[in-house]
Amino acid sequence: MDTCHQIRKARKKILIIVAVGHKLVRIAMQCGEIWRCVKQWLTHCEEGNGVDDERRKDTSVKPS
């Protein structure tokens, strides 16, 4: 009887942990999507600045 009771208790805990874990995974995935978008945007901005820097270098080199 004791072991059965412990198993039932453990099952409830495991189910709660799984449910919470599932929610956390879903939240993490949503955050991951947002982070990916932010990262894309940031790298896009950095690339844009990089292009400007390259143009500046070209203009500074060409007059000579």
C-alpha atoms as a PDB file:
ATOM      1  CA  MET A   1       0.000   0.000   0.000  1.00  0.00           C
ATOM      2  CA  ASP A   2       2.769   2.427   0.931  1.00  0.00           C
ATOM      3  CA  THR A   3       4.648   1.987  -2.348  1.00  0.00           C
ATOM      4  CA  CYS A   4       1.452   2.403  -4.380  1.00  0.00           C
ATOM      5  CA  HIS A   5       0.734   5.664  -2.566  1.00  0.00           C
ATOM      6  CA  GLN A   6       4.284   6.885  -3.211  1.00  0.00           C
ATOM      7  CA  ILE A   7       4.026   5.971  -6.892  1.00  0.00           C
ATOM      8  CA  ARG A   8       0.740   7.883  -7.199  1.00  0.00           C
ATOM      9  CA  LYS A   9       2.310  10.912  -5.504  1.00  0.00           C
ATOM     10  CA  ALA A  10       5.356  10.669  -7.743  1.00  0.00           C
ATOM     11  CA  ARG A  11       3.151  10.392 -10.836  1.00  0.00           C
ATOM     12  CA  LYS A  12       1.315  13.572  -9.886  1.00  0.00           C
ATOM     13  CA  LYS A  13       4.629  15.385  -9.354  1.00  0.00           C
ATOM     14  CA  ILE A  14       5.983  14.081 -12.655  1.00  0.00           C
ATOM     15  CA  LEU A  15       2.826  15.167 -14.493  1.00  0.00           C
ATOM     16  CA  ILE A  16       3.068  18.649 -12.956  1.00  0.00           C
ATOM     17  CA  ILE A  17       6.779  18.872 -13.854  1.00  0.00           C
ATOM     18  CA  VAL A  18       6.048  17.731 -17.415  1.00  0.00           C
ATOM     19  CA  ALA A  19       3.198  20.241 -17.780  1.00  0.00           C
ATOM     20  CA  VAL A  20       5.309  23.097 -16.411  1.00  0.00           C
ATOM     21  CA  GLY A  21       8.272  21.997 -18.516  1.00  0.00           C
ATOM     22  CA  HIS A  22       6.084  21.940 -21.628  1.00  0.00           C
ATOM     23  CA  LYS A  23       4.884  25.486 -20.911  1.00  0.00           C
ATOM     24  CA  LEU A  24       8.454  26.655 -20.300  1.00  0.00           C
ATOM     25  CA  VAL A  25       9.577  25.057 -23.564  1.00  0.00           C
ATOM     26  CA  ARG A  26       6.764  26.825 -25.436  1.00  0.00           C
ATOM     27  CA  ILE A  27       7.671  30.159 -23.828  1.00  0.00           C
ATOM     28  CA  ALA A  28      11.349  29.551 -24.608  1.00  0.00           C
ATOM     29  CA  MET A  29      10.479  28.785 -28.230  1.00  0.00           C
ATOM     30  CA  GLN A  30       8.463  32.015 -28.502  1.00  0.00           C
ATOM     31  CA  CYS A  31      11.337  33.957 -26.933  1.00  0.00           C
ATOM     32  CA  GLY A  32      13.682  32.201 -29.357  1.00  0.00           C
ATOM     33  CA  GLU A  33      11.585  33.391 -32.297  1.00  0.00           C
ATOM     34  CA  ILE A  34      11.590  36.952 -30.965  1.00  0.00           C
ATOM     35  CA  TRP A  35      15.342  36.760 -30.256  1.00  0.00           C
ATOM     36  CA  ARG A  36      15.983  35.436 -33.775  1.00  0.00           C
ATOM     37  CA  CYS A  37      14.057  38.357 -35.256  1.00  0.00           C
ATOM     38  CA  VAL A  38      15.941  40.833 -33.061  1.00  0.00           C
ATOM     39  CA  LYS A  39      19.269  39.218 -33.976  1.00  0.00           C
ATOM     40  CA  GLN A  40      18.396  39.348 -37.681  1.00  0.00           C
ATOM     41  CA  TRP A  41      17.463  43.007 -37.342  1.00  0.00           C
ATOM     42  CA  LEU A  42      20.677  43.789 -35.444  1.00  0.00           C
ATOM     43  CA  THR A  43      22.899  41.965 -37.941  1.00  0.00           C
ATOM     44  CA  HIS A  44      21.048  43.730 -40.768  1.00  0.00           C
ATOM     45  CA  CYS A  45      21.774  47.101 -39.132  1.00  0.00           C
ATOM     46  CA  GLU A  46      25.408  46.133 -38.560  1.00  0.00           C
ATOM     47  CA  GLU A  47      25.740  45.060 -42.203  1.00  0.00           C
ATOM     48  CA  GLY A  48      24.250  48.398 -43.252  1.00  0.00           C
ATOM     49  CA  ASN A  49      26.845  50.250 -41.186  1.00  0.00           C
ATOM     50  CA  GLY A  50      29.540  48.001 -42.602  1.00  0.00           C
ATOM     51  CA  VAL A  51      28.505  49.008 -46.134  1.00  0.00           C
ATOM     52  CA  ASP A  52      28.719  52.683 -45.183  1.00  0.00           C
ATOM     53  CA  ASP A  53      32.195  52.102 -43.734  1.00  0.00           C
ATOM     54  CA  GLU A  54      33.285  50.375 -46.949  1.00  0.00           C
ATOM     55  CA  ARG A  55      32.001  53.290 -49.028  1.00  0.00           C
ATOM     56  CA  ARG A  56      33.880  55.754 -46.805  1.00  0.00           C
ATOM     57  CA  LYS A  57      37.064  53.727 -47.264  1.00  0.00           C
ATOM     58  CA  ASP A  58      36.553  53.675 -51.040  1.00  0.00           C
ATOM     59  CA  THR A  59      36.011  57.446 -51.237  1.00  0.00           C
ATOM     60  CA  SER A  60      39.056  58.111 -49.029  1.00  0.00           C
ATOM     61  CA  VAL A  61      41.228  55.835 -51.194  1.00  0.00           C
ATOM     62  CA  LYS A  62      40.052  57.034 -54.629  1.00  0.00           C
ATOM     63  CA  PRO A  63      41.097  60.753 -54.463  1.00  0.00           C
ATOM     64  CA  SER A  64      44.766  59.721 -54.072  1.00  0.00           C
END
